[in-house]
N, C-alpha and C. Protein backbone atom coordinates (compact mmCIF):
# COMPACT_ATOMS: atom_id res chain seq x y z
N MET A 1 17.49 5.78 16.10
CA MET A 1 16.46 6.38 16.91
C MET A 1 15.10 6.26 16.21
N ARG A 2 15.07 6.48 14.93
CA ARG A 2 13.81 6.43 14.17
C ARG A 2 13.22 5.03 14.20
N ASP A 3 14.05 4.00 14.03
CA ASP A 3 13.54 2.63 14.04
C ASP A 3 12.91 2.28 15.39
N ILE A 4 13.56 2.70 16.46
CA ILE A 4 13.02 2.48 17.80
C ILE A 4 11.68 3.20 17.92
N ALA A 5 11.61 4.43 17.43
CA ALA A 5 10.39 5.23 17.53
C ALA A 5 9.23 4.57 16.77
N VAL A 6 9.49 4.10 15.58
CA VAL A 6 8.43 3.46 14.79
C VAL A 6 7.88 2.24 15.53
N LYS A 7 8.76 1.41 16.06
CA LYS A 7 8.32 0.22 16.79
C LYS A 7 7.54 0.60 18.05
N GLU A 8 7.99 1.63 18.75
CA GLU A 8 7.32 2.03 19.98
C GLU A 8 5.94 2.62 19.69
N VAL A 9 5.82 3.41 18.63
CA VAL A 9 4.51 3.95 18.25
C VAL A 9 3.56 2.81 17.91
N GLU A 10 4.01 1.85 17.13
CA GLU A 10 3.17 0.70 16.77
C GLU A 10 2.75 -0.07 18.02
N ALA A 11 3.68 -0.31 18.94
CA ALA A 11 3.38 -1.05 20.16
C ALA A 11 2.39 -0.28 21.04
N ALA A 12 2.58 1.03 21.17
CA ALA A 12 1.69 1.84 22.00
C ALA A 12 0.27 1.85 21.44
N LEU A 13 0.14 2.00 20.13
CA LEU A 13 -1.19 2.00 19.52
C LEU A 13 -1.85 0.64 19.63
N SER A 14 -1.08 -0.43 19.50
CA SER A 14 -1.62 -1.79 19.61
C SER A 14 -2.10 -2.09 21.02
N ALA A 15 -1.52 -1.44 22.02
CA ALA A 15 -1.86 -1.70 23.42
C ALA A 15 -3.13 -0.97 23.87
N ILE A 16 -3.63 -0.06 23.06
CA ILE A 16 -4.84 0.68 23.42
C ILE A 16 -6.04 -0.27 23.30
N PRO A 17 -6.94 -0.26 24.28
CA PRO A 17 -8.11 -1.15 24.21
C PRO A 17 -8.89 -0.96 22.91
N GLN A 18 -9.42 -2.06 22.40
CA GLN A 18 -10.04 -2.10 21.07
C GLN A 18 -11.06 -1.00 20.80
N PRO A 19 -12.02 -0.74 21.67
CA PRO A 19 -13.01 0.29 21.29
C PRO A 19 -12.38 1.65 21.00
N LEU A 20 -11.28 1.96 21.65
CA LEU A 20 -10.63 3.25 21.49
C LEU A 20 -9.53 3.21 20.42
N ARG A 21 -9.02 2.02 20.13
CA ARG A 21 -7.88 1.89 19.21
C ARG A 21 -8.18 2.44 17.83
N GLU A 22 -9.37 2.18 17.32
CA GLU A 22 -9.72 2.65 15.98
C GLU A 22 -9.63 4.18 15.92
N ARG A 23 -10.17 4.85 16.92
CA ARG A 23 -10.10 6.32 16.97
C ARG A 23 -8.66 6.79 17.17
N ALA A 24 -7.91 6.09 18.01
CA ALA A 24 -6.53 6.50 18.31
C ALA A 24 -5.63 6.38 17.09
N CYS A 25 -6.01 5.55 16.15
CA CYS A 25 -5.18 5.37 14.94
C CYS A 25 -5.55 6.35 13.83
N GLU A 26 -6.56 7.20 14.05
CA GLU A 26 -6.97 8.14 13.01
C GLU A 26 -5.95 9.24 12.72
N PRO A 27 -5.37 9.87 13.75
CA PRO A 27 -4.39 10.92 13.42
C PRO A 27 -3.12 10.32 12.82
N ALA A 28 -2.57 10.99 11.84
CA ALA A 28 -1.28 10.58 11.31
C ALA A 28 -0.23 10.88 12.37
N VAL A 29 0.71 9.97 12.56
CA VAL A 29 1.82 10.20 13.49
C VAL A 29 3.05 10.48 12.64
N ILE A 30 3.61 11.66 12.83
CA ILE A 30 4.74 12.12 12.02
C ILE A 30 5.95 12.27 12.92
N LEU A 31 7.02 11.58 12.56
CA LEU A 31 8.26 11.63 13.33
C LEU A 31 9.20 12.63 12.69
N LEU A 32 9.58 13.64 13.45
CA LEU A 32 10.53 14.64 12.99
C LEU A 32 11.68 14.75 13.99
N ARG A 33 12.79 15.21 13.50
CA ARG A 33 13.95 15.39 14.38
C ARG A 33 13.69 16.47 15.41
N LYS A 34 13.24 17.64 14.98
CA LYS A 34 12.97 18.79 15.86
C LYS A 34 11.85 19.61 15.24
N PRO A 35 11.22 20.47 16.05
CA PRO A 35 10.21 21.38 15.46
C PRO A 35 10.87 22.31 14.45
N SER A 36 10.11 22.70 13.45
CA SER A 36 10.65 23.62 12.45
C SER A 36 9.63 24.70 12.15
N ASP A 37 10.09 25.74 11.52
CA ASP A 37 9.22 26.84 11.14
C ASP A 37 8.20 26.43 10.08
N SER A 38 8.41 25.30 9.44
CA SER A 38 7.50 24.89 8.37
C SER A 38 6.22 24.26 8.90
N LEU A 39 6.15 24.00 10.21
CA LEU A 39 4.91 23.45 10.77
C LEU A 39 3.80 24.49 10.65
N ASP A 40 2.60 24.03 10.42
CA ASP A 40 1.48 24.94 10.21
C ASP A 40 0.81 25.34 11.53
N CYS A 41 1.63 25.82 12.46
CA CYS A 41 1.11 26.31 13.72
C CYS A 41 2.06 27.40 14.22
N ALA A 42 1.60 28.16 15.16
CA ALA A 42 2.39 29.29 15.63
C ALA A 42 3.14 28.95 16.92
N ASP A 43 4.32 29.52 17.04
CA ASP A 43 5.04 29.53 18.31
C ASP A 43 5.27 28.16 18.95
N VAL A 44 5.84 27.24 18.23
CA VAL A 44 6.22 25.96 18.81
C VAL A 44 7.57 26.15 19.48
N GLU A 45 7.64 25.81 20.76
CA GLU A 45 8.89 25.94 21.51
C GLU A 45 9.94 24.99 20.94
N GLU A 46 11.18 25.40 20.98
CA GLU A 46 12.27 24.61 20.42
C GLU A 46 12.42 23.25 21.10
N ASP A 47 12.06 23.15 22.39
CA ASP A 47 12.23 21.89 23.12
C ASP A 47 10.95 21.06 23.22
N THR A 48 9.94 21.40 22.43
CA THR A 48 8.68 20.66 22.43
C THR A 48 8.93 19.21 22.02
N MET A 49 8.31 18.27 22.75
CA MET A 49 8.49 16.86 22.44
C MET A 49 7.40 16.31 21.54
N GLY A 50 6.20 16.89 21.62
CA GLY A 50 5.10 16.41 20.79
C GLY A 50 4.10 17.52 20.56
N LEU A 51 3.30 17.35 19.53
CA LEU A 51 2.35 18.38 19.15
C LEU A 51 1.18 17.74 18.42
N PHE A 52 -0.04 18.11 18.81
CA PHE A 52 -1.23 17.69 18.09
C PHE A 52 -1.75 18.88 17.29
N ILE A 53 -2.03 18.66 16.03
CA ILE A 53 -2.60 19.70 15.17
C ILE A 53 -3.81 19.12 14.45
N GLY A 54 -4.88 19.88 14.43
CA GLY A 54 -6.07 19.44 13.72
C GLY A 54 -7.29 19.49 14.61
N ASN A 55 -8.39 19.01 14.07
CA ASN A 55 -9.63 18.95 14.84
C ASN A 55 -9.58 17.77 15.79
N ALA A 56 -10.00 18.02 17.02
CA ALA A 56 -10.13 16.93 17.97
C ALA A 56 -11.25 16.00 17.50
N PHE A 57 -11.23 14.79 17.97
CA PHE A 57 -12.23 13.79 17.60
C PHE A 57 -13.64 14.31 17.83
N SER A 58 -13.84 15.02 18.94
CA SER A 58 -15.18 15.48 19.30
C SER A 58 -15.64 16.71 18.51
N ASP A 59 -14.70 17.37 17.81
CA ASP A 59 -15.05 18.56 17.02
C ASP A 59 -15.64 18.16 15.67
N ALA A 60 -16.38 19.06 15.12
CA ALA A 60 -16.91 18.82 13.78
C ALA A 60 -15.76 18.76 12.79
N PRO A 61 -15.87 17.93 11.76
CA PRO A 61 -14.78 17.87 10.78
C PRO A 61 -14.64 19.18 10.01
N GLY A 62 -13.44 19.42 9.55
CA GLY A 62 -13.17 20.62 8.77
C GLY A 62 -13.76 20.50 7.37
N PRO A 63 -13.67 21.57 6.58
CA PRO A 63 -14.20 21.52 5.22
C PRO A 63 -13.42 20.51 4.37
N ASP A 64 -14.05 20.07 3.31
CA ASP A 64 -13.40 19.12 2.40
C ASP A 64 -12.05 19.66 1.94
N GLY A 65 -11.09 18.77 1.81
CA GLY A 65 -9.78 19.17 1.33
C GLY A 65 -8.82 19.59 2.42
N THR A 66 -9.27 19.64 3.68
CA THR A 66 -8.36 20.01 4.76
C THR A 66 -7.52 18.80 5.16
N VAL A 67 -6.37 19.07 5.70
CA VAL A 67 -5.51 18.00 6.18
C VAL A 67 -6.08 17.48 7.49
N GLY A 68 -6.07 16.17 7.65
CA GLY A 68 -6.63 15.56 8.85
C GLY A 68 -5.76 15.78 10.08
N PRO A 69 -6.20 15.27 11.21
CA PRO A 69 -5.45 15.46 12.46
C PRO A 69 -4.08 14.79 12.37
N ARG A 70 -3.09 15.46 13.02
CA ARG A 70 -1.72 14.96 12.99
C ARG A 70 -1.10 15.07 14.37
N ILE A 71 -0.28 14.10 14.67
CA ILE A 71 0.53 14.13 15.88
C ILE A 71 1.99 14.15 15.44
N TYR A 72 2.71 15.17 15.88
CA TYR A 72 4.14 15.26 15.60
C TYR A 72 4.90 14.82 16.84
N LEU A 73 5.87 13.95 16.66
CA LEU A 73 6.78 13.56 17.73
C LEU A 73 8.18 14.02 17.32
N PHE A 74 8.82 14.79 18.19
CA PHE A 74 10.13 15.38 17.90
C PHE A 74 11.20 14.54 18.59
N LEU A 75 11.81 13.67 17.80
CA LEU A 75 12.67 12.62 18.34
C LEU A 75 13.90 13.13 19.06
N ARG A 76 14.55 14.16 18.55
CA ARG A 76 15.76 14.68 19.21
C ARG A 76 15.40 15.23 20.60
N ASN A 77 14.29 15.92 20.71
CA ASN A 77 13.89 16.48 22.00
C ASN A 77 13.51 15.38 22.99
N ILE A 78 12.85 14.34 22.51
CA ILE A 78 12.51 13.21 23.37
C ILE A 78 13.78 12.50 23.81
N TRP A 79 14.72 12.32 22.89
CA TRP A 79 16.00 11.68 23.19
C TRP A 79 16.77 12.48 24.25
N ASP A 80 16.78 13.79 24.10
CA ASP A 80 17.46 14.64 25.08
C ASP A 80 16.78 14.56 26.45
N GLU A 81 15.46 14.58 26.46
CA GLU A 81 14.71 14.46 27.73
C GLU A 81 15.00 13.13 28.42
N ALA A 82 15.25 12.10 27.63
CA ALA A 82 15.55 10.77 28.16
C ALA A 82 17.03 10.59 28.51
N ASP A 83 17.79 11.68 28.47
CA ASP A 83 19.23 11.63 28.77
C ASP A 83 19.97 10.59 27.93
N HIS A 84 19.51 10.41 26.70
CA HIS A 84 20.15 9.53 25.72
C HIS A 84 20.18 8.07 26.15
N GLU A 85 19.18 7.68 26.95
CA GLU A 85 19.05 6.29 27.40
C GLU A 85 17.90 5.63 26.63
N PRO A 86 18.19 4.55 25.89
CA PRO A 86 17.17 3.94 25.03
C PRO A 86 15.87 3.57 25.74
N GLU A 87 15.94 2.98 26.92
CA GLU A 87 14.71 2.59 27.61
C GLU A 87 13.90 3.81 28.03
N ARG A 88 14.56 4.84 28.51
CA ARG A 88 13.86 6.07 28.87
C ARG A 88 13.30 6.74 27.62
N PHE A 89 14.02 6.65 26.50
CA PHE A 89 13.54 7.20 25.23
C PHE A 89 12.21 6.54 24.85
N ARG A 90 12.17 5.22 24.95
CA ARG A 90 10.93 4.50 24.62
C ARG A 90 9.77 4.96 25.51
N ALA A 91 10.05 5.08 26.81
CA ALA A 91 9.00 5.49 27.75
C ALA A 91 8.54 6.93 27.47
N GLU A 92 9.49 7.83 27.23
CA GLU A 92 9.13 9.23 26.94
C GLU A 92 8.35 9.33 25.63
N LEU A 93 8.75 8.56 24.65
CA LEU A 93 8.07 8.56 23.36
C LEU A 93 6.63 8.09 23.53
N ARG A 94 6.46 6.99 24.24
CA ARG A 94 5.12 6.45 24.48
C ARG A 94 4.26 7.46 25.25
N ASP A 95 4.82 8.04 26.31
CA ASP A 95 4.07 9.02 27.10
C ASP A 95 3.70 10.25 26.27
N THR A 96 4.61 10.70 25.44
CA THR A 96 4.34 11.87 24.58
C THR A 96 3.24 11.53 23.57
N LEU A 97 3.31 10.37 22.97
CA LEU A 97 2.27 9.94 22.02
C LEU A 97 0.91 9.89 22.72
N LEU A 98 0.85 9.28 23.90
CA LEU A 98 -0.43 9.18 24.62
C LEU A 98 -0.95 10.56 25.01
N HIS A 99 -0.04 11.45 25.38
CA HIS A 99 -0.42 12.82 25.72
C HIS A 99 -1.09 13.50 24.52
N GLU A 100 -0.45 13.41 23.37
CA GLU A 100 -1.00 14.04 22.16
C GLU A 100 -2.29 13.36 21.71
N LEU A 101 -2.38 12.05 21.88
CA LEU A 101 -3.64 11.36 21.58
C LEU A 101 -4.74 11.86 22.50
N GLY A 102 -4.39 12.15 23.74
CA GLY A 102 -5.37 12.72 24.67
C GLY A 102 -5.93 14.03 24.15
N HIS A 103 -5.06 14.87 23.59
CA HIS A 103 -5.55 16.13 23.00
C HIS A 103 -6.50 15.83 21.83
N TYR A 104 -6.15 14.87 21.01
CA TYR A 104 -7.02 14.50 19.89
C TYR A 104 -8.39 14.04 20.40
N LEU A 105 -8.40 13.34 21.52
CA LEU A 105 -9.65 12.84 22.07
C LEU A 105 -10.41 13.91 22.87
N GLY A 106 -9.85 15.13 22.91
CA GLY A 106 -10.57 16.25 23.50
C GLY A 106 -10.15 16.62 24.91
N LEU A 107 -9.10 16.01 25.44
CA LEU A 107 -8.67 16.32 26.80
C LEU A 107 -7.77 17.56 26.81
N GLU A 108 -7.94 18.38 27.82
CA GLU A 108 -7.10 19.57 28.03
C GLU A 108 -5.92 19.18 28.91
N GLU A 109 -4.97 20.09 29.05
CA GLU A 109 -3.76 19.82 29.86
C GLU A 109 -4.11 19.34 31.26
N ASP A 110 -5.04 20.01 31.93
CA ASP A 110 -5.41 19.63 33.30
C ASP A 110 -5.98 18.21 33.34
N ASP A 111 -6.79 17.85 32.34
CA ASP A 111 -7.33 16.51 32.27
C ASP A 111 -6.23 15.47 32.13
N LEU A 112 -5.24 15.77 31.30
CA LEU A 112 -4.14 14.84 31.07
C LEU A 112 -3.30 14.67 32.33
N VAL A 113 -3.01 15.76 33.01
CA VAL A 113 -2.24 15.71 34.25
C VAL A 113 -3.01 14.87 35.29
N ALA A 114 -4.31 15.09 35.41
CA ALA A 114 -5.13 14.32 36.36
C ALA A 114 -5.09 12.83 36.07
N ARG A 115 -4.89 12.47 34.81
CA ARG A 115 -4.82 11.06 34.42
C ARG A 115 -3.38 10.53 34.41
N GLY A 116 -2.43 11.37 34.81
CA GLY A 116 -1.03 10.93 34.87
C GLY A 116 -0.36 10.89 33.51
N ILE A 117 -0.89 11.61 32.53
CA ILE A 117 -0.31 11.64 31.19
C ILE A 117 0.21 13.05 30.95
N GLU A 118 1.30 13.35 31.59
CA GLU A 118 1.84 14.71 31.51
C GLU A 118 2.65 14.83 30.30
């Protein structure tokens, strides 16, 4: 599952148009099996598929020494949502990554839904 995820993340980022690709590659993409209590955020639902943490691109940068923006992809939850079908897993993973990138670029949930990136 992890190997598929790494390839899909690379392919999705490569497919982003060039002017936006540089910005889209700024957040670290972290692949985890499931959300855990060790994440530095509050109240992550157990079935969450992805999570953006950090300052959005449009926000002012944090103080020196802060951790940069991160996108977490929770592979087990994405796999379950895809009903354990590899092609659906790839599609769900890509959609989740794009959704979280949208948050990094400053889009709210309503904006993402309007653009078909739920």
